[in-house]
N, C-alpha and C. Protein backbone atom coordinates (compact mmCIF):
# COMPACT_ATOMS: atom_id res chain seq x y z
N UNK A 1 -30.48 -137.61 -43.20
CA UNK A 1 -31.67 -136.83 -43.03
C UNK A 1 -32.73 -137.19 -44.08
N UNK A 2 -32.38 -137.84 -45.13
CA UNK A 2 -33.32 -138.10 -46.21
C UNK A 2 -34.27 -139.24 -45.90
N UNK A 3 -33.92 -140.13 -44.98
CA UNK A 3 -34.76 -141.31 -44.75
C UNK A 3 -35.72 -141.17 -43.59
N UNK A 4 -35.20 -141.07 -42.39
CA UNK A 4 -36.03 -141.06 -41.19
C UNK A 4 -35.78 -139.79 -40.40
N UNK A 5 -36.78 -139.44 -39.64
CA UNK A 5 -36.62 -138.32 -38.71
C UNK A 5 -36.31 -138.94 -37.35
N UNK A 6 -35.15 -138.59 -36.82
CA UNK A 6 -34.75 -139.12 -35.52
C UNK A 6 -34.92 -138.03 -34.47
N UNK A 7 -35.18 -138.44 -33.26
CA UNK A 7 -35.33 -137.50 -32.17
C UNK A 7 -34.01 -136.77 -31.94
N UNK A 8 -34.03 -135.45 -32.02
CA UNK A 8 -32.79 -134.71 -31.78
C UNK A 8 -32.42 -134.70 -30.31
N UNK A 9 -31.20 -134.34 -30.01
CA UNK A 9 -30.77 -134.32 -28.61
C UNK A 9 -31.27 -133.08 -27.86
N UNK A 10 -32.61 -132.99 -27.71
CA UNK A 10 -33.22 -131.88 -26.98
C UNK A 10 -32.89 -131.97 -25.50
N UNK A 11 -32.82 -130.82 -24.86
CA UNK A 11 -32.76 -130.80 -23.40
C UNK A 11 -34.15 -131.17 -22.89
N UNK A 12 -34.28 -131.54 -21.63
CA UNK A 12 -35.63 -131.85 -21.11
C UNK A 12 -36.61 -130.69 -21.29
N UNK A 13 -36.17 -129.46 -21.09
CA UNK A 13 -37.05 -128.29 -21.24
C UNK A 13 -37.50 -128.13 -22.70
N UNK A 14 -36.60 -128.30 -23.64
CA UNK A 14 -36.95 -128.17 -25.06
C UNK A 14 -37.89 -129.31 -25.48
N UNK A 15 -37.70 -130.47 -24.94
CA UNK A 15 -38.56 -131.62 -25.25
C UNK A 15 -39.99 -131.33 -24.77
N UNK A 16 -40.11 -130.77 -23.57
CA UNK A 16 -41.43 -130.43 -23.03
C UNK A 16 -42.08 -129.33 -23.86
N UNK A 17 -41.32 -128.29 -24.19
CA UNK A 17 -41.85 -127.20 -25.00
C UNK A 17 -42.34 -127.70 -26.36
N UNK A 18 -41.54 -128.54 -27.00
CA UNK A 18 -41.92 -129.11 -28.30
C UNK A 18 -43.20 -129.91 -28.18
N UNK A 19 -43.28 -130.75 -27.16
CA UNK A 19 -44.48 -131.55 -26.95
C UNK A 19 -45.71 -130.69 -26.72
N UNK A 20 -45.56 -129.62 -25.96
CA UNK A 20 -46.70 -128.73 -25.69
C UNK A 20 -47.16 -128.03 -26.97
N UNK A 21 -46.20 -127.56 -27.77
CA UNK A 21 -46.55 -126.88 -29.01
C UNK A 21 -47.23 -127.83 -29.99
N UNK A 22 -46.69 -129.04 -30.12
CA UNK A 22 -47.30 -130.02 -31.02
C UNK A 22 -48.70 -130.40 -30.53
N UNK A 23 -48.89 -130.50 -29.23
CA UNK A 23 -50.21 -130.82 -28.68
C UNK A 23 -51.21 -129.71 -29.02
N UNK A 24 -50.79 -128.44 -28.90
CA UNK A 24 -51.68 -127.34 -29.26
C UNK A 24 -52.09 -127.43 -30.73
N UNK A 25 -51.13 -127.74 -31.58
CA UNK A 25 -51.44 -127.89 -33.01
C UNK A 25 -52.42 -129.03 -33.23
N UNK A 26 -52.21 -130.15 -32.55
CA UNK A 26 -53.09 -131.30 -32.69
C UNK A 26 -54.52 -130.97 -32.23
N UNK A 27 -54.63 -130.06 -31.29
CA UNK A 27 -55.94 -129.68 -30.77
C UNK A 27 -56.59 -128.60 -31.62
N UNK A 28 -55.92 -128.21 -32.71
CA UNK A 28 -56.51 -127.24 -33.63
C UNK A 28 -56.15 -125.79 -33.36
N UNK A 29 -55.26 -125.55 -32.40
CA UNK A 29 -54.84 -124.19 -32.12
C UNK A 29 -54.04 -123.64 -33.30
N UNK A 30 -54.16 -122.37 -33.53
CA UNK A 30 -53.38 -121.70 -34.56
C UNK A 30 -52.24 -120.95 -33.86
N UNK A 31 -51.02 -121.34 -34.16
CA UNK A 31 -49.86 -120.70 -33.54
C UNK A 31 -49.28 -119.66 -34.50
N UNK A 32 -48.88 -118.55 -33.97
CA UNK A 32 -48.23 -117.51 -34.77
C UNK A 32 -46.83 -117.27 -34.24
N UNK A 33 -46.23 -116.18 -34.68
CA UNK A 33 -44.91 -115.83 -34.20
C UNK A 33 -44.96 -115.49 -32.73
N UNK A 34 -43.98 -115.80 -31.96
CA UNK A 34 -42.68 -116.34 -32.32
C UNK A 34 -42.58 -117.86 -32.41
N UNK A 35 -43.50 -118.66 -31.82
CA UNK A 35 -43.21 -120.09 -31.86
C UNK A 35 -43.36 -120.74 -33.23
N UNK A 36 -44.18 -120.15 -34.12
CA UNK A 36 -44.42 -120.79 -35.41
C UNK A 36 -44.55 -119.74 -36.50
N UNK A 37 -44.08 -120.10 -37.67
CA UNK A 37 -44.27 -119.20 -38.81
C UNK A 37 -44.53 -120.03 -40.06
N UNK A 38 -45.31 -119.47 -40.99
CA UNK A 38 -45.60 -120.19 -42.23
C UNK A 38 -44.35 -120.34 -43.09
N UNK A 39 -44.31 -121.43 -43.84
CA UNK A 39 -43.21 -121.69 -44.77
C UNK A 39 -43.80 -121.97 -46.16
N UNK A 40 -44.32 -120.93 -46.84
CA UNK A 40 -44.95 -121.14 -48.14
C UNK A 40 -43.99 -121.67 -49.20
N UNK A 41 -42.69 -121.47 -49.00
CA UNK A 41 -41.72 -122.01 -49.97
C UNK A 41 -41.63 -123.53 -49.90
N UNK A 42 -42.13 -124.13 -48.83
CA UNK A 42 -42.21 -125.60 -48.76
C UNK A 42 -43.52 -126.05 -49.40
N UNK A 43 -44.61 -125.40 -49.02
CA UNK A 43 -45.90 -125.75 -49.59
C UNK A 43 -47.02 -125.16 -48.77
N UNK A 44 -48.27 -125.30 -49.27
CA UNK A 44 -49.40 -124.80 -48.50
C UNK A 44 -49.55 -125.54 -47.18
N UNK A 45 -49.94 -124.81 -46.16
CA UNK A 45 -50.14 -125.34 -44.81
C UNK A 45 -48.86 -125.90 -44.19
N UNK A 46 -47.71 -125.45 -44.67
CA UNK A 46 -46.42 -125.87 -44.08
C UNK A 46 -45.89 -124.73 -43.22
N UNK A 47 -45.32 -125.11 -42.09
CA UNK A 47 -44.84 -124.13 -41.10
C UNK A 47 -43.57 -124.66 -40.45
N UNK A 48 -42.95 -123.77 -39.66
CA UNK A 48 -41.83 -124.21 -38.83
C UNK A 48 -42.09 -123.80 -37.40
N UNK A 49 -41.84 -124.73 -36.49
CA UNK A 49 -41.85 -124.43 -35.06
C UNK A 49 -40.45 -123.99 -34.69
N UNK A 50 -40.37 -123.01 -33.83
CA UNK A 50 -39.07 -122.53 -33.35
C UNK A 50 -38.94 -122.89 -31.88
N UNK A 51 -37.96 -123.72 -31.59
CA UNK A 51 -37.74 -124.16 -30.22
C UNK A 51 -36.29 -123.84 -29.86
N UNK A 52 -36.14 -123.06 -28.83
CA UNK A 52 -34.79 -122.70 -28.39
C UNK A 52 -34.38 -123.61 -27.25
N UNK A 53 -33.20 -124.19 -27.41
CA UNK A 53 -32.65 -125.09 -26.41
C UNK A 53 -31.51 -124.36 -25.71
N UNK A 54 -30.87 -125.02 -24.79
CA UNK A 54 -29.76 -124.41 -24.06
C UNK A 54 -28.64 -123.94 -24.99
N UNK A 55 -28.32 -124.76 -25.99
CA UNK A 55 -27.21 -124.42 -26.89
C UNK A 55 -27.61 -124.46 -28.37
N UNK A 56 -28.89 -124.74 -28.66
CA UNK A 56 -29.33 -124.89 -30.05
C UNK A 56 -30.63 -124.12 -30.30
N UNK A 57 -30.81 -123.77 -31.55
CA UNK A 57 -32.08 -123.22 -32.02
C UNK A 57 -32.65 -124.25 -32.99
N UNK A 58 -33.66 -124.99 -32.55
CA UNK A 58 -34.23 -126.05 -33.37
C UNK A 58 -35.37 -125.53 -34.22
N UNK A 59 -35.49 -126.08 -35.42
CA UNK A 59 -36.61 -125.79 -36.32
C UNK A 59 -37.28 -127.12 -36.63
N UNK A 60 -38.57 -127.19 -36.37
CA UNK A 60 -39.35 -128.38 -36.65
C UNK A 60 -40.33 -128.01 -37.75
N UNK A 61 -40.12 -128.56 -38.92
CA UNK A 61 -40.97 -128.24 -40.07
C UNK A 61 -42.14 -129.21 -40.08
N UNK A 62 -43.34 -128.64 -40.28
CA UNK A 62 -44.53 -129.49 -40.24
C UNK A 62 -45.56 -129.03 -41.26
N UNK A 63 -46.45 -129.96 -41.58
CA UNK A 63 -47.56 -129.73 -42.50
C UNK A 63 -48.84 -129.92 -41.70
N UNK A 64 -49.75 -128.94 -41.78
CA UNK A 64 -51.02 -129.03 -41.07
C UNK A 64 -52.06 -129.63 -42.00
N UNK A 65 -52.48 -130.81 -41.67
CA UNK A 65 -53.56 -131.49 -42.37
C UNK A 65 -54.80 -131.30 -41.50
N UNK A 66 -56.00 -131.31 -42.09
CA UNK A 66 -57.19 -131.15 -41.24
C UNK A 66 -57.30 -132.17 -40.11
N UNK A 67 -56.72 -133.35 -40.29
CA UNK A 67 -56.85 -134.39 -39.27
C UNK A 67 -55.58 -134.66 -38.48
N UNK A 68 -54.43 -134.16 -38.94
CA UNK A 68 -53.18 -134.48 -38.24
C UNK A 68 -52.10 -133.44 -38.54
N UNK A 69 -51.08 -133.50 -37.70
CA UNK A 69 -49.88 -132.68 -37.88
C UNK A 69 -48.78 -133.62 -38.36
N UNK A 70 -48.20 -133.32 -39.52
CA UNK A 70 -47.18 -134.18 -40.10
C UNK A 70 -45.82 -133.50 -39.94
N UNK A 71 -44.94 -134.09 -39.15
CA UNK A 71 -43.59 -133.55 -38.97
C UNK A 71 -42.77 -133.95 -40.20
N UNK A 72 -42.23 -132.94 -40.87
CA UNK A 72 -41.48 -133.16 -42.11
C UNK A 72 -39.98 -133.27 -41.87
N UNK A 73 -39.45 -132.46 -40.97
CA UNK A 73 -38.01 -132.48 -40.71
C UNK A 73 -37.73 -131.71 -39.43
N UNK A 74 -36.61 -132.03 -38.82
CA UNK A 74 -36.12 -131.31 -37.65
C UNK A 74 -34.71 -130.87 -37.98
N UNK A 75 -34.44 -129.59 -37.74
CA UNK A 75 -33.16 -129.02 -38.18
C UNK A 75 -32.59 -128.14 -37.07
N UNK A 76 -31.30 -128.26 -36.84
CA UNK A 76 -30.58 -127.40 -35.90
C UNK A 76 -30.18 -126.15 -36.66
N UNK A 77 -30.77 -125.03 -36.31
CA UNK A 77 -30.51 -123.77 -37.03
C UNK A 77 -29.11 -123.27 -36.73
N UNK A 78 -28.33 -123.13 -37.79
CA UNK A 78 -26.97 -122.61 -37.63
C UNK A 78 -26.70 -121.43 -38.57
N UNK A 79 -27.61 -121.18 -39.51
CA UNK A 79 -27.46 -120.08 -40.46
C UNK A 79 -28.76 -119.28 -40.51
N UNK A 80 -28.72 -118.03 -41.01
CA UNK A 80 -29.95 -117.23 -41.08
C UNK A 80 -31.02 -117.82 -41.99
N UNK A 81 -30.63 -118.44 -43.08
CA UNK A 81 -31.59 -119.01 -44.02
C UNK A 81 -31.68 -120.52 -43.83
N UNK A 82 -32.88 -121.04 -44.07
CA UNK A 82 -33.05 -122.50 -44.05
C UNK A 82 -32.30 -123.09 -45.24
N UNK A 83 -31.45 -124.08 -45.01
CA UNK A 83 -30.70 -124.68 -46.12
C UNK A 83 -31.64 -125.24 -47.20
N UNK A 84 -31.23 -125.09 -48.44
CA UNK A 84 -32.01 -125.56 -49.58
C UNK A 84 -32.32 -127.05 -49.47
N UNK A 85 -31.37 -127.84 -49.02
CA UNK A 85 -31.59 -129.28 -48.93
C UNK A 85 -32.69 -129.61 -47.93
N UNK A 86 -32.82 -128.85 -46.85
CA UNK A 86 -33.88 -129.08 -45.87
C UNK A 86 -35.23 -128.73 -46.50
N UNK A 87 -35.29 -127.64 -47.22
CA UNK A 87 -36.53 -127.24 -47.90
C UNK A 87 -36.93 -128.30 -48.92
N UNK A 88 -35.96 -128.80 -49.68
CA UNK A 88 -36.26 -129.82 -50.70
C UNK A 88 -36.76 -131.12 -50.06
N UNK A 89 -36.16 -131.52 -48.95
CA UNK A 89 -36.61 -132.72 -48.25
C UNK A 89 -38.05 -132.53 -47.75
N UNK A 90 -38.34 -131.37 -47.20
CA UNK A 90 -39.69 -131.09 -46.71
C UNK A 90 -40.70 -131.07 -47.86
N UNK A 91 -40.32 -130.49 -48.98
CA UNK A 91 -41.20 -130.48 -50.16
C UNK A 91 -41.49 -131.90 -50.64
N UNK A 92 -40.45 -132.71 -50.70
CA UNK A 92 -40.62 -134.09 -51.14
C UNK A 92 -41.51 -134.88 -50.18
N UNK A 93 -41.29 -134.70 -48.89
CA UNK A 93 -42.10 -135.42 -47.89
C UNK A 93 -43.56 -134.94 -47.91
N UNK A 94 -43.77 -133.65 -48.16
CA UNK A 94 -45.13 -133.14 -48.26
C UNK A 94 -45.85 -133.77 -49.44
N UNK A 95 -45.17 -133.84 -50.58
CA UNK A 95 -45.78 -134.45 -51.77
C UNK A 95 -46.07 -135.93 -51.53
N UNK A 96 -45.15 -136.63 -50.91
CA UNK A 96 -45.38 -138.05 -50.61
C UNK A 96 -46.57 -138.23 -49.68
N UNK A 97 -46.68 -137.38 -48.68
CA UNK A 97 -47.80 -137.47 -47.75
C UNK A 97 -49.12 -137.25 -48.49
N UNK A 98 -49.15 -136.28 -49.39
CA UNK A 98 -50.39 -135.96 -50.11
C UNK A 98 -50.80 -137.07 -51.06
N UNK A 99 -49.88 -137.95 -51.42
CA UNK A 99 -50.19 -139.08 -52.28
C UNK A 99 -50.82 -140.26 -51.52
N UNK A 100 -50.70 -140.23 -50.20
CA UNK A 100 -51.26 -141.32 -49.41
C UNK A 100 -52.78 -141.33 -49.48
N UNK A 101 -53.38 -142.52 -49.47
CA UNK A 101 -54.85 -142.59 -49.51
C UNK A 101 -55.50 -142.11 -48.23
């Protein structure tokens, strides 16, 4: 999980829902609960998308930049709290993104 973000094994319905939500974000829409919630513990303008699949609850962590949506991590939710390692990876990726010219 530390190197690349790979496409998770979404069902076709979850793949469509994820694409629609990401498209809304790209178009400047502001999403609130239930599909999205802020994640200030990752950083400013960081959020998680909540996508329910047939057998999984997926979390897609993203950073909203004025010009783009940056996907930081995709996680299969299995516990009530987001694992510390996922938060740390998202924090690191956010910092790396902000260093880009």
